[in-house]
C-alpha atoms as a PDB file:
ATOM      1  CA  UNK A   1      91.693  44.413 118.835  1.00  0.00           C
ATOM      2  CA  UNK A   2      92.511  45.578 122.376  1.00  0.00           C
ATOM      3  CA  UNK A   3      94.304  43.525 125.036  1.00  0.00           C
ATOM      4  CA  UNK A   4      91.134  42.201 126.656  1.00  0.00           C
ATOM      5  CA  UNK A   5      89.837  41.098 123.261  1.00  0.00           C
ATOM      6  CA  UNK A   6      93.148  39.393 122.552  1.00  0.00           C
ATOM      7  CA  UNK A   7      92.934  37.540 125.865  1.00  0.00           C
ATOM      8  CA  UNK A   8      89.372  36.463 125.040  1.00  0.00           C
ATOM      9  CA  UNK A   9      90.508  35.210 121.636  1.00  0.00           C
ATOM     10  CA  UNK A  10      93.304  33.145 123.219  1.00  0.00           C
ATOM     11  CA  UNK A  11      90.834  31.693 125.727  1.00  0.00           C
ATOM     12  CA  UNK A  12      88.320  30.816 123.012  1.00  0.00           C
ATOM     13  CA  UNK A  13      90.977  29.081 120.912  1.00  0.00           C
ATOM     14  CA  UNK A  14      91.788  26.671 123.762  1.00  0.00           C
ATOM     15  CA  UNK A  15      88.983  26.642 126.364  1.00  0.00           C
ATOM     16  CA  UNK A  16      90.107  25.903 129.914  1.00  0.00           C
ATOM     17  CA  UNK A  17      88.067  24.279 132.686  1.00  0.00           C
ATOM     18  CA  UNK A  18      87.321  26.935 135.303  1.00  0.00           C
ATOM     19  CA  UNK A  19      85.691  26.002 138.598  1.00  0.00           C
ATOM     20  CA  UNK A  20      83.547  28.536 140.444  1.00  0.00           C
ATOM     21  CA  UNK A  21      82.946  27.426 144.047  1.00  0.00           C
ATOM     22  CA  UNK A  22      80.349  30.166 144.648  1.00  0.00           C
ATOM     23  CA  UNK A  23      77.966  28.555 142.203  1.00  0.00           C
ATOM     24  CA  UNK A  24      74.753  29.936 143.665  1.00  0.00           C
ATOM     25  CA  UNK A  25      75.977  33.559 143.773  1.00  0.00           C
ATOM     26  CA  UNK A  26      73.987  35.515 141.191  1.00  0.00           C
ATOM     27  CA  UNK A  27      76.801  37.711 139.823  1.00  0.00           C
ATOM     28  CA  UNK A  28      78.918  34.615 139.389  1.00  0.00           C
ATOM     29  CA  UNK A  29      76.079  32.845 137.584  1.00  0.00           C
ATOM     30  CA  UNK A  30      75.532  35.778 135.222  1.00  0.00           C
ATOM     31  CA  UNK A  31      79.234  35.986 134.376  1.00  0.00           C
ATOM     32  CA  UNK A  32      79.423  32.211 133.880  1.00  0.00           C
ATOM     33  CA  UNK A  33      76.404  32.274 131.591  1.00  0.00           C
ATOM     34  CA  UNK A  34      78.016  34.930 129.381  1.00  0.00           C
ATOM     35  CA  UNK A  35      81.344  33.068 129.302  1.00  0.00           C
ATOM     36  CA  UNK A  36      79.510  29.939 128.148  1.00  0.00           C
ATOM     37  CA  UNK A  37      77.537  31.911 125.573  1.00  0.00           C
ATOM     38  CA  UNK A  38      80.791  33.352 124.206  1.00  0.00           C
ATOM     39  CA  UNK A  39      82.511  29.951 124.219  1.00  0.00           C
ATOM     40  CA  UNK A  40      85.497  31.151 126.242  1.00  0.00           C
ATOM     41  CA  UNK A  41      85.751  28.406 128.881  1.00  0.00           C
ATOM     42  CA  UNK A  42      84.221  25.263 130.288  1.00  0.00           C
ATOM     43  CA  UNK A  43      82.530  26.149 133.569  1.00  0.00           C
ATOM     44  CA  UNK A  44      82.083  24.004 136.688  1.00  0.00           C
ATOM     45  CA  UNK A  45      79.716  25.447 139.290  1.00  0.00           C
ATOM     46  CA  UNK A  46      79.867  24.113 142.847  1.00  0.00           C
ATOM     47  CA  UNK A  47      76.662  24.310 144.847  1.00  0.00           C
ATOM     48  CA  UNK A  48      73.256  22.741 145.242  1.00  0.00           C
ATOM     49  CA  UNK A  49      72.296  21.918 141.637  1.00  0.00           C
ATOM     50  CA  UNK A  50      68.585  22.492 142.184  1.00  0.00           C
ATOM     51  CA  UNK A  51      69.235  25.920 143.680  1.00  0.00           C
ATOM     52  CA  UNK A  52      71.629  26.844 140.870  1.00  0.00           C
ATOM     53  CA  UNK A  53      69.131  25.790 138.172  1.00  0.00           C
ATOM     54  CA  UNK A  54      66.291  27.684 139.859  1.00  0.00           C
ATOM     55  CA  UNK A  55      68.379  30.859 140.025  1.00  0.00           C
ATOM     56  CA  UNK A  56      69.389  30.418 136.399  1.00  0.00           C
ATOM     57  CA  UNK A  57      65.778  29.952 135.305  1.00  0.00           C
ATOM     58  CA  UNK A  58      64.570  32.974 137.284  1.00  0.00           C
ATOM     59  CA  UNK A  59      67.240  35.139 135.655  1.00  0.00           C
ATOM     60  CA  UNK A  60      66.913  33.639 132.144  1.00  0.00           C
ATOM     61  CA  UNK A  61      70.453  32.282 132.136  1.00  0.00           C
ATOM     62  CA  UNK A  62      69.860  29.508 129.629  1.00  0.00           C
ATOM     63  CA  UNK A  63      73.491  28.423 129.161  1.00  0.00           C
ATOM     64  CA  UNK A  64      73.819  27.357 132.795  1.00  0.00           C
ATOM     65  CA  UNK A  65      71.383  24.486 132.360  1.00  0.00           C
ATOM     66  CA  UNK A  66      72.643  23.399 128.951  1.00  0.00           C
ATOM     67  CA  UNK A  67      76.435  23.835 129.211  1.00  0.00           C
ATOM     68  CA  UNK A  68      77.671  24.223 132.806  1.00  0.00           C
ATOM     69  CA  UNK A  69      78.857  21.281 134.906  1.00  0.00           C
ATOM     70  CA  UNK A  70      77.021  21.384 138.248  1.00  0.00           C
ATOM     71  CA  UNK A  71      78.722  19.794 141.252  1.00  0.00           C
ATOM     72  CA  UNK A  72      76.974  19.132 144.544  1.00  0.00           C
ATOM     73  CA  UNK A  73      79.699  19.411 147.220  1.00  0.00           C
ATOM     74  CA  UNK A  74      77.852  17.073 149.579  1.00  0.00           C
ATOM     75  CA  UNK A  75      76.742  14.382 147.144  1.00  0.00           C
ATOM     76  CA  UNK A  76      79.162  14.009 144.258  1.00  0.00           C
ATOM     77  CA  UNK A  77      80.710  10.834 142.796  1.00  0.00           C
ATOM     78  CA  UNK A  78      84.360  11.754 143.385  1.00  0.00           C
ATOM     79  CA  UNK A  79      83.940  12.624 147.048  1.00  0.00           C
ATOM     80  CA  UNK A  80      85.963   9.660 148.320  1.00  0.00           C
ATOM     81  CA  UNK A  81      88.728  10.324 145.784  1.00  0.00           C
ATOM     82  CA  UNK A  82      89.044  13.949 146.811  1.00  0.00           C
ATOM     83  CA  UNK A  83      88.873  13.136 150.526  1.00  0.00           C
ATOM     84  CA  UNK A  84      91.689  10.612 150.118  1.00  0.00           C
ATOM     85  CA  UNK A  85      93.763  13.133 148.146  1.00  0.00           C
ATOM     86  CA  UNK A  86      93.275  15.803 150.821  1.00  0.00           C
ATOM     87  CA  UNK A  87      94.212  13.375 153.575  1.00  0.00           C
ATOM     88  CA  UNK A  88      97.428  12.358 151.797  1.00  0.00           C
ATOM     89  CA  UNK A  89      98.368  16.009 151.238  1.00  0.00           C
ATOM     90  CA  UNK A  90      97.709  17.076 154.835  1.00  0.00           C
ATOM     91  CA  UNK A  91      98.232  14.009 157.039  1.00  0.00           C
ATOM     92  CA  UNK A  92     101.710  15.187 158.016  1.00  0.00           C
ATOM     93  CA  UNK A  93     100.057  18.357 159.341  1.00  0.00           C
ATOM     94  CA  UNK A  94      97.795  16.281 161.571  1.00  0.00           C
ATOM     95  CA  UNK A  95      94.717  15.951 159.380  1.00  0.00           C
ATOM     96  CA  UNK A  96      92.602  12.846 159.975  1.00  0.00           C
ATOM     97  CA  UNK A  97      90.531  10.982 157.340  1.00  0.00           C
ATOM     98  CA  UNK A  98      87.395  12.184 159.120  1.00  0.00           C
ATOM     99  CA  UNK A  99      88.464  15.811 158.880  1.00  0.00           C
ATOM    100  CA  UNK A 100      89.293  15.355 155.197  1.00  0.00           C
ATOM    101  CA  UNK A 101      85.840  13.884 154.549  1.00  0.00           C
ATOM    102  CA  UNK A 102      84.223  16.951 156.111  1.00  0.00           C
ATOM    103  CA  UNK A 103      86.475  19.531 154.438  1.00  0.00           C
ATOM    104  CA  UNK A 104      85.879  18.088 150.988  1.00  0.00           C
ATOM    105  CA  UNK A 105      82.291  19.329 151.304  1.00  0.00           C
ATOM    106  CA  UNK A 106      83.588  22.902 151.586  1.00  0.00           C
ATOM    107  CA  UNK A 107      83.330  24.361 148.042  1.00  0.00           C
ATOM    108  CA  UNK A 108      86.614  26.268 148.416  1.00  0.00           C
ATOM    109  CA  UNK A 109      88.486  23.092 149.338  1.00  0.00           C
ATOM    110  CA  UNK A 110      86.658  21.029 146.727  1.00  0.00           C
ATOM    111  CA  UNK A 111      87.587  23.499 143.961  1.00  0.00           C
ATOM    112  CA  UNK A 112      91.299  23.251 144.827  1.00  0.00           C
ATOM    113  CA  UNK A 113      91.111  19.457 145.009  1.00  0.00           C
ATOM    114  CA  UNK A 114      89.552  19.372 141.552  1.00  0.00           C
ATOM    115  CA  UNK A 115      92.520  21.368 140.250  1.00  0.00           C
ATOM    116  CA  UNK A 116      95.040  19.182 142.078  1.00  0.00           C
ATOM    117  CA  UNK A 117      93.387  16.056 140.682  1.00  0.00           C
ATOM    118  CA  UNK A 118      93.473  17.406 137.123  1.00  0.00           C
ATOM    119  CA  UNK A 119      89.709  17.908 136.881  1.00  0.00           C
ATOM    120  CA  UNK A 120      89.887  21.699 136.512  1.00  0.00           C
ATOM    121  CA  UNK A 121      92.472  24.215 135.285  1.00  0.00           C
ATOM    122  CA  UNK A 122      91.730  27.246 137.442  1.00  0.00           C
ATOM    123  CA  UNK A 123      89.462  28.734 140.099  1.00  0.00           C
ATOM    124  CA  UNK A 124      87.848  32.086 140.853  1.00  0.00           C
ATOM    125  CA  UNK A 125      86.162  32.929 144.150  1.00  0.00           C
ATOM    126  CA  UNK A 126      85.736  35.827 146.548  1.00  0.00           C
ATOM    127  CA  UNK A 127      82.366  37.320 145.610  1.00  0.00           C
ATOM    128  CA  UNK A 128      81.132  35.927 148.923  1.00  0.00           C
ATOM    129  CA  UNK A 129      84.286  34.754 150.696  1.00  0.00           C
ATOM    130  CA  UNK A 130      87.168  36.638 152.321  1.00  0.00           C
ATOM    131  CA  UNK A 131      90.611  36.544 150.715  1.00  0.00           C
ATOM    132  CA  UNK A 132      92.055  34.451 153.541  1.00  0.00           C
ATOM    133  CA  UNK A 133      89.362  31.809 153.088  1.00  0.00           C
ATOM    134  CA  UNK A 134      90.083  31.615 149.337  1.00  0.00           C
ATOM    135  CA  UNK A 135      93.864  31.443 149.733  1.00  0.00           C
ATOM    136  CA  UNK A 136      94.066  29.003 152.652  1.00  0.00           C
ATOM    137  CA  UNK A 137      93.011  25.853 150.763  1.00  0.00           C
ATOM    138  CA  UNK A 138      94.877  27.040 147.665  1.00  0.00           C
ATOM    139  CA  UNK A 139      98.171  27.223 149.543  1.00  0.00           C
ATOM    140  CA  UNK A 140      97.519  23.924 151.324  1.00  0.00           C
ATOM    141  CA  UNK A 141      96.511  21.969 148.222  1.00  0.00           C
ATOM    142  CA  UNK A 142      97.647  23.603 144.969  1.00  0.00           C
ATOM    143  CA  UNK A 143     100.717  25.325 146.451  1.00  0.00           C
ATOM    144  CA  UNK A 144     103.178  27.557 144.611  1.00  0.00           C
ATOM    145  CA  UNK A 145     105.202  27.172 141.424  1.00  0.00           C
ATOM    146  CA  UNK A 146     108.659  25.569 141.593  1.00  0.00           C
ATOM    147  CA  UNK A 147     111.200  28.143 142.741  1.00  0.00           C
ATOM    148  CA  UNK A 148     108.458  30.472 144.019  1.00  0.00           C
ATOM    149  CA  UNK A 149     107.476  30.600 147.683  1.00  0.00           C
ATOM    150  CA  UNK A 150     105.300  33.733 147.716  1.00  0.00           C
ATOM    151  CA  UNK A 151     101.929  34.633 146.238  1.00  0.00           C
ATOM    152  CA  UNK A 152     101.593  38.200 145.012  1.00  0.00           C
ATOM    153  CA  UNK A 153      98.959  40.359 143.373  1.00  0.00           C
ATOM    154  CA  UNK A 154      99.310  42.207 140.065  1.00  0.00           C
ATOM    155  CA  UNK A 155      97.073  44.771 138.399  1.00  0.00           C
ATOM    156  CA  UNK A 156      96.695  45.426 134.703  1.00  0.00           C
ATOM    157  CA  UNK A 157      96.715  49.220 134.468  1.00  0.00           C
ATOM    158  CA  UNK A 158      95.192  50.598 131.263  1.00  0.00           C
ATOM    159  CA  UNK A 159      96.154  54.286 131.151  1.00  0.00           C
ATOM    160  CA  UNK A 160      94.729  56.782 128.625  1.00  0.00           C
ATOM    161  CA  UNK A 161      98.181  57.894 127.441  1.00  0.00           C
ATOM    162  CA  UNK A 162      99.239  55.195 124.967  1.00  0.00           C
ATOM    163  CA  UNK A 163     102.880  56.317 125.190  1.00  0.00           C
ATOM    164  CA  UNK A 164     103.309  54.482 128.494  1.00  0.00           C
ATOM    165  CA  UNK A 165     103.940  50.768 128.774  1.00  0.00           C
ATOM    166  CA  UNK A 166     102.670  48.800 125.773  1.00  0.00           C
ATOM    167  CA  UNK A 167      99.974  50.844 124.090  1.00  0.00           C
ATOM    168  CA  UNK A 168      98.916  52.220 127.463  1.00  0.00           C
ATOM    169  CA  UNK A 169      99.097  48.953 129.415  1.00  0.00           C
ATOM    170  CA  UNK A 170     101.421  48.556 132.401  1.00  0.00           C
ATOM    171  CA  UNK A 171     101.486  45.852 135.056  1.00  0.00           C
ATOM    172  CA  UNK A 172     101.867  46.854 138.718  1.00  0.00           C
ATOM    173  CA  UNK A 173     102.916  44.451 141.511  1.00  0.00           C
ATOM    174  CA  UNK A 174     102.685  43.623 144.352  1.00  0.00           C
ATOM    175  CA  UNK A 175      99.567  45.651 145.116  1.00  0.00           C
ATOM    176  CA  UNK A 176      97.535  43.131 147.070  1.00  0.00           C
ATOM    177  CA  UNK A 177      99.273  40.473 149.177  1.00  0.00           C
ATOM    178  CA  UNK A 178     102.743  40.783 150.758  1.00  0.00           C
ATOM    179  CA  UNK A 179     103.224  43.833 153.029  1.00  0.00           C
ATOM    180  CA  UNK A 180     107.011  44.024 153.294  1.00  0.00           C
ATOM    181  CA  UNK A 181     108.803  41.575 150.978  1.00  0.00           C
ATOM    182  CA  UNK A 182     112.439  40.684 151.533  1.00  0.00           C
ATOM    183  CA  UNK A 183     114.912  40.990 148.653  1.00  0.00           C
ATOM    184  CA  UNK A 184     114.395  37.287 147.881  1.00  0.00           C
ATOM    185  CA  UNK A 185     110.612  37.683 147.906  1.00  0.00           C
ATOM    186  CA  UNK A 186     110.797  40.863 145.839  1.00  0.00           C
ATOM    187  CA  UNK A 187     112.836  38.999 143.217  1.00  0.00           C
ATOM    188  CA  UNK A 188     110.206  36.256 143.114  1.00  0.00           C
ATOM    189  CA  UNK A 189     107.480  38.880 142.677  1.00  0.00           C
ATOM    190  CA  UNK A 190     109.419  40.333 139.731  1.00  0.00           C
ATOM    191  CA  UNK A 191     109.787  36.908 138.083  1.00  0.00           C
ATOM    192  CA  UNK A 192     106.111  36.056 138.694  1.00  0.00           C
ATOM    193  CA  UNK A 193     104.961  39.399 137.273  1.00  0.00           C
ATOM    194  CA  UNK A 194     107.116  38.907 134.193  1.00  0.00           C
ATOM    195  CA  UNK A 195     105.286  35.615 133.688  1.00  0.00           C
ATOM    196  CA  UNK A 196     101.962  37.412 134.058  1.00  0.00           C
ATOM    197  CA  UNK A 197     103.021  39.890 131.368  1.00  0.00           C
ATOM    198  CA  UNK A 198     103.760  37.071 128.952  1.00  0.00           C
ATOM    199  CA  UNK A 199     100.776  34.828 129.651  1.00  0.00           C
ATOM    200  CA  UNK A 200      98.077  37.445 130.093  1.00  0.00           C
ATOM    201  CA  UNK A 201      99.147  40.634 128.329  1.00  0.00           C
ATOM    202  CA  UNK A 202     101.078  38.797 125.636  1.00  0.00           C
ATOM    203  CA  UNK A 203     104.116  41.068 125.631  1.00  0.00           C
ATOM    204  CA  UNK A 204     107.749  40.644 126.586  1.00  0.00           C
ATOM    205  CA  UNK A 205     108.279  42.188 130.040  1.00  0.00           C
ATOM    206  CA  UNK A 206     110.665  45.046 130.735  1.00  0.00           C
ATOM    207  CA  UNK A 207     110.760  45.096 134.528  1.00  0.00           C
ATOM    208  CA  UNK A 208     111.589  48.169 136.586  1.00  0.00           C
ATOM    209  CA  UNK A 209     112.302  47.609 140.276  1.00  0.00           C
ATOM    210  CA  UNK A 210     111.104  50.848 141.796  1.00  0.00           C
ATOM    211  CA  UNK A 211     112.608  52.885 144.616  1.00  0.00           C
ATOM    212  CA  UNK A 212     112.991  56.478 145.790  1.00  0.00           C
ATOM    213  CA  UNK A 213     116.505  56.209 144.340  1.00  0.00           C
ATOM    214  CA  UNK A 214     117.782  55.812 140.784  1.00  0.00           C
ATOM    215  CA  UNK A 215     121.001  53.837 140.324  1.00  0.00           C
ATOM    216  CA  UNK A 216     122.303  54.600 143.782  1.00  0.00           C
ATOM    217  CA  UNK A 217     121.346  58.294 143.935  1.00  0.00           C
ATOM    218  CA  UNK A 218     120.272  57.663 147.551  1.00  0.00           C
ATOM    219  CA  UNK A 219     121.864  55.424 150.163  1.00  0.00           C
ATOM    220  CA  UNK A 220     119.489  53.464 152.375  1.00  0.00           C
ATOM    221  CA  UNK A 221     118.752  49.888 153.371  1.00  0.00           C
ATOM    222  CA  UNK A 222     115.455  50.079 151.467  1.00  0.00           C
ATOM    223  CA  UNK A 223     117.421  50.867 148.299  1.00  0.00           C
ATOM    224  CA  UNK A 224     119.827  48.029 149.054  1.00  0.00           C
ATOM    225  CA  UNK A 225     116.864  45.643 149.216  1.00  0.00           C
ATOM    226  CA  UNK A 226     115.791  46.625 145.706  1.00  0.00           C
ATOM    227  CA  UNK A 227     119.259  46.294 144.162  1.00  0.00           C
ATOM    228  CA  UNK A 228     119.717  42.921 145.849  1.00  0.00           C
ATOM    229  CA  UNK A 229     116.336  41.828 144.487  1.00  0.00           C
ATOM    230  CA  UNK A 230     117.493  42.748 140.971  1.00  0.00           C
ATOM    231  CA  UNK A 231     120.600  40.607 141.419  1.00  0.00           C
ATOM    232  CA  UNK A 232     118.577  37.626 142.642  1.00  0.00           C
ATOM    233  CA  UNK A 233     115.983  37.972 139.875  1.00  0.00           C
ATOM    234  CA  UNK A 234     118.749  37.929 137.258  1.00  0.00           C
ATOM    235  CA  UNK A 235     120.103  34.736 138.795  1.00  0.00           C
ATOM    236  CA  UNK A 236     116.627  33.189 138.696  1.00  0.00           C
ATOM    237  CA  UNK A 237     115.982  34.270 135.086  1.00  0.00           C
ATOM    238  CA  UNK A 238     119.188  35.340 133.309  1.00  0.00           C
ATOM    239  CA  UNK A 239     117.316  36.393 130.147  1.00  0.00           C
ATOM    240  CA  UNK A 240     114.820  38.613 131.992  1.00  0.00           C
ATOM    241  CA  UNK A 241     115.022  42.298 131.066  1.00  0.00           C
ATOM    242  CA  UNK A 242     115.125  43.938 134.496  1.00  0.00           C
ATOM    243  CA  UNK A 243     116.822  46.884 136.146  1.00  0.00           C
ATOM    244  CA  UNK A 244     116.739  48.873 139.358  1.00  0.00           C
ATOM    245  CA  UNK A 245     116.850  50.769 141.549  1.00  0.00           C
ATOM    246  CA  UNK A 246     114.754  53.176 139.458  1.00  0.00           C
ATOM    247  CA  UNK A 247     112.468  56.017 140.439  1.00  0.00           C
ATOM    248  CA  UNK A 248     109.044  55.867 138.815  1.00  0.00           C
ATOM    249  CA  UNK A 249     109.676  58.707 136.359  1.00  0.00           C
ATOM    250  CA  UNK A 250     113.038  57.236 135.356  1.00  0.00           C
ATOM    251  CA  UNK A 251     111.288  53.929 134.714  1.00  0.00           C
ATOM    252  CA  UNK A 252     108.568  55.143 132.340  1.00  0.00           C
ATOM    253  CA  UNK A 253     109.600  58.538 130.873  1.00  0.00           C
ATOM    254  CA  UNK A 254     112.274  58.149 128.163  1.00  0.00           C
ATOM    255  CA  UNK A 255     113.863  61.591 128.640  1.00  0.00           C
ATOM    256  CA  UNK A 256     114.075  61.168 132.413  1.00  0.00           C
ATOM    257  CA  UNK A 257     115.368  57.628 132.099  1.00  0.00           C
ATOM    258  CA  UNK A 258     118.090  58.731 129.687  1.00  0.00           C
ATOM    259  CA  UNK A 259     119.117  61.529 132.039  1.00  0.00           C
ATOM    260  CA  UNK A 260     119.025  59.630 135.332  1.00  0.00           C
ATOM    261  CA  UNK A 261     120.063  56.156 134.184  1.00  0.00           C
ATOM    262  CA  UNK A 262     122.049  56.423 130.948  1.00  0.00           C
ATOM    263  CA  UNK A 263     122.789  53.025 129.471  1.00  0.00           C
ATOM    264  CA  UNK A 264     119.958  51.260 131.332  1.00  0.00           C
ATOM    265  CA  UNK A 265     118.049  48.831 129.076  1.00  0.00           C
ATOM    266  CA  UNK A 266     114.868  49.459 131.068  1.00  0.00           C
ATOM    267  CA  UNK A 267     114.871  53.142 132.079  1.00  0.00           C
ATOM    268  CA  UNK A 268     112.160  55.050 130.237  1.00  0.00           C
ATOM    269  CA  UNK A 269     110.862  51.853 128.610  1.00  0.00           C
ATOM    270  CA  UNK A 270     109.413  49.815 131.486  1.00  0.00           C
ATOM    271  CA  UNK A 271     106.083  48.037 131.085  1.00  0.00           C
ATOM    272  CA  UNK A 272     106.195  46.145 134.413  1.00  0.00           C
ATOM    273  CA  UNK A 273     106.582  48.116 137.645  1.00  0.00           C
ATOM    274  CA  UNK A 274     107.520  46.208 140.800  1.00  0.00           C
ATOM    275  CA  UNK A 275     107.066  48.214 143.983  1.00  0.00           C
ATOM    276  CA  UNK A 276     109.315  47.795 147.038  1.00  0.00           C
ATOM    277  CA  UNK A 277     106.388  47.271 149.429  1.00  0.00           C
ATOM    278  CA  UNK A 278     102.668  46.592 149.448  1.00  0.00           C
ATOM    279  CA  UNK A 279     101.831  50.051 150.734  1.00  0.00           C
ATOM    280  CA  UNK A 280     103.700  51.688 147.849  1.00  0.00           C
ATOM    281  CA  UNK A 281     102.075  49.442 145.252  1.00  0.00           C
ATOM    282  CA  UNK A 282      98.577  49.706 146.654  1.00  0.00           C
ATOM    283  CA  UNK A 283      98.744  53.496 146.998  1.00  0.00           C
ATOM    284  CA  UNK A 284     100.223  53.861 143.505  1.00  0.00           C
ATOM    285  CA  UNK A 285      97.621  51.823 141.656  1.00  0.00           C
ATOM    286  CA  UNK A 286      94.730  53.580 143.400  1.00  0.00           C
ATOM    287  CA  UNK A 287      96.185  57.018 142.647  1.00  0.00           C
ATOM    288  CA  UNK A 288      96.769  56.162 138.992  1.00  0.00           C
ATOM    289  CA  UNK A 289      93.283  54.693 138.769  1.00  0.00           C
ATOM    290  CA  UNK A 290      91.641  57.838 140.170  1.00  0.00           C
ATOM    291  CA  UNK A 291      93.867  60.688 139.005  1.00  0.00           C
ATOM    292  CA  UNK A 292      94.790  59.340 135.560  1.00  0.00           C
ATOM    293  CA  UNK A 293      91.392  57.741 134.882  1.00  0.00           C
ATOM    294  CA  UNK A 294      93.122  54.401 134.393  1.00  0.00           C
ATOM    295  CA  UNK A 295      91.241  51.122 134.288  1.00  0.00           C
ATOM    296  CA  UNK A 296      92.640  48.773 136.934  1.00  0.00           C
ATOM    297  CA  UNK A 297      91.968  45.069 136.345  1.00  0.00           C
ATOM    298  CA  UNK A 298      92.856  42.764 139.223  1.00  0.00           C
ATOM    299  CA  UNK A 299      94.252  41.786 141.554  1.00  0.00           C
ATOM    300  CA  UNK A 300      95.585  38.849 139.590  1.00  0.00           C
ATOM    301  CA  UNK A 301      97.094  36.350 142.015  1.00  0.00           C
ATOM    302  CA  UNK A 302     100.402  35.022 140.760  1.00  0.00           C
ATOM    303  CA  UNK A 303     102.925  32.466 141.961  1.00  0.00           C
ATOM    304  CA  UNK A 304     100.457  29.586 142.387  1.00  0.00           C
ATOM    305  CA  UNK A 305     101.068  26.265 140.619  1.00  0.00           C
ATOM    306  CA  UNK A 306      97.639  26.732 138.994  1.00  0.00           C
ATOM    307  CA  UNK A 307      95.662  29.955 138.625  1.00  0.00           C
ATOM    308  CA  UNK A 308      93.438  30.771 141.589  1.00  0.00           C
ATOM    309  CA  UNK A 309      92.071  34.292 141.672  1.00  0.00           C
ATOM    310  CA  UNK A 310      90.344  36.214 144.436  1.00  0.00           C
ATOM    311  CA  UNK A 311      87.499  38.637 143.764  1.00  0.00           C
ATOM    312  CA  UNK A 312      86.415  41.644 145.748  1.00  0.00           C
ATOM    313  CA  UNK A 313      83.104  41.073 147.494  1.00  0.00           C
ATOM    314  CA  UNK A 314      81.945  44.271 145.780  1.00  0.00           C
ATOM    315  CA  UNK A 315      82.792  42.920 142.328  1.00  0.00           C
ATOM    316  CA  UNK A 316      80.535  43.341 139.315  1.00  0.00           C
ATOM    317  CA  UNK A 317      79.450  40.743 136.764  1.00  0.00           C
ATOM    318  CA  UNK A 318      81.917  42.317 134.330  1.00  0.00           C
ATOM    319  CA  UNK A 319      84.733  41.992 136.897  1.00  0.00           C
ATOM    320  CA  UNK A 320      84.055  38.264 137.226  1.00  0.00           C
ATOM    321  CA  UNK A 321      83.817  37.806 133.450  1.00  0.00           C
ATOM    322  CA  UNK A 322      87.192  39.499 132.935  1.00  0.00           C
ATOM    323  CA  UNK A 323      88.780  37.485 135.728  1.00  0.00           C
ATOM    324  CA  UNK A 324      87.600  34.229 134.158  1.00  0.00           C
ATOM    325  CA  UNK A 325      89.236  35.284 130.879  1.00  0.00           C
ATOM    326  CA  UNK A 326      92.431  36.211 132.738  1.00  0.00           C
ATOM    327  CA  UNK A 327      92.440  32.906 134.628  1.00  0.00           C
ATOM    328  CA  UNK A 328      92.144  31.013 131.333  1.00  0.00           C
ATOM    329  CA  UNK A 329      95.172  32.876 129.988  1.00  0.00           C
ATOM    330  CA  UNK A 330      97.146  32.192 133.169  1.00  0.00           C
ATOM    331  CA  UNK A 331      96.392  28.494 132.813  1.00  0.00           C
ATOM    332  CA  UNK A 332      97.544  28.480 129.198  1.00  0.00           C
ATOM    333  CA  UNK A 333     100.739  30.301 130.193  1.00  0.00           C
ATOM    334  CA  UNK A 334     101.556  27.856 133.000  1.00  0.00           C
ATOM    335  CA  UNK A 335     100.955  24.885 130.701  1.00  0.00           C
ATOM    336  CA  UNK A 336     103.223  26.377 128.044  1.00  0.00           C
ATOM    337  CA  UNK A 337     106.199  26.604 130.448  1.00  0.00           C
END
């Protein structure tokens, strides 16, 4: 059983309630139908119910009609409850009851309010909406985990060489959100990614904080940021296995790690790679994906108080299906802590 199958098995054993605010988007409907057929999650679709059912019928998606919960954002029984909740959350920012009543009809806001109110466990959107539009209501309503102030993006990197990571799986972060994290933010990214390793991949993280330097071989403020981030991360999670500064080869190649960082508990054995900046992480995952024929699954948004994941607008049905499974595992991981 591979990692994705293991994640599916965990999801099936304890189905989570996943809300999809782009309920009348055909790729989303197809993925939702397959999830329901496989029994991996309870699905809430936001959109005009008649339109959703017509699309499902035209595409022979029988599980949508029989198993999905359909929510009309304009006419739904909890509208007043959600509007009141939104007003209470945002009144100090100047929101009026009238504005809250209008915003609650926006599927992206409604999905987050459902999560905040305990009516859903996670959300996936982005097949039609820009990242900023997905994240804005999430940050306003669901917010971040205690002790975490930044949202970051991780990728599951399945490489053909099983000697790397855990049976060929490594986790890269941040590859999607924060351009130039401070040492404090970098530490939070490391802690969040360690949580992703546990809840989604199911392994104990060994975190390498990457740099162009290994254990002080170069002197620069960018290296200082990484070593400070390691110190902060250890304060946040004293039991976390983490080390840095480490160059990439020292982090994942045992012989190089032994040579460059003798005595390091992480060098040569890392399964989580935290990059010092977004440009480094984004470039790295794309190069590994193309040159090493790795499968890159993500970005997985981490740091939120409940799992909310953003899709690429070019995503496939399979991408959405996998992200629903991942979101279920994130929810289970957050609940377990």
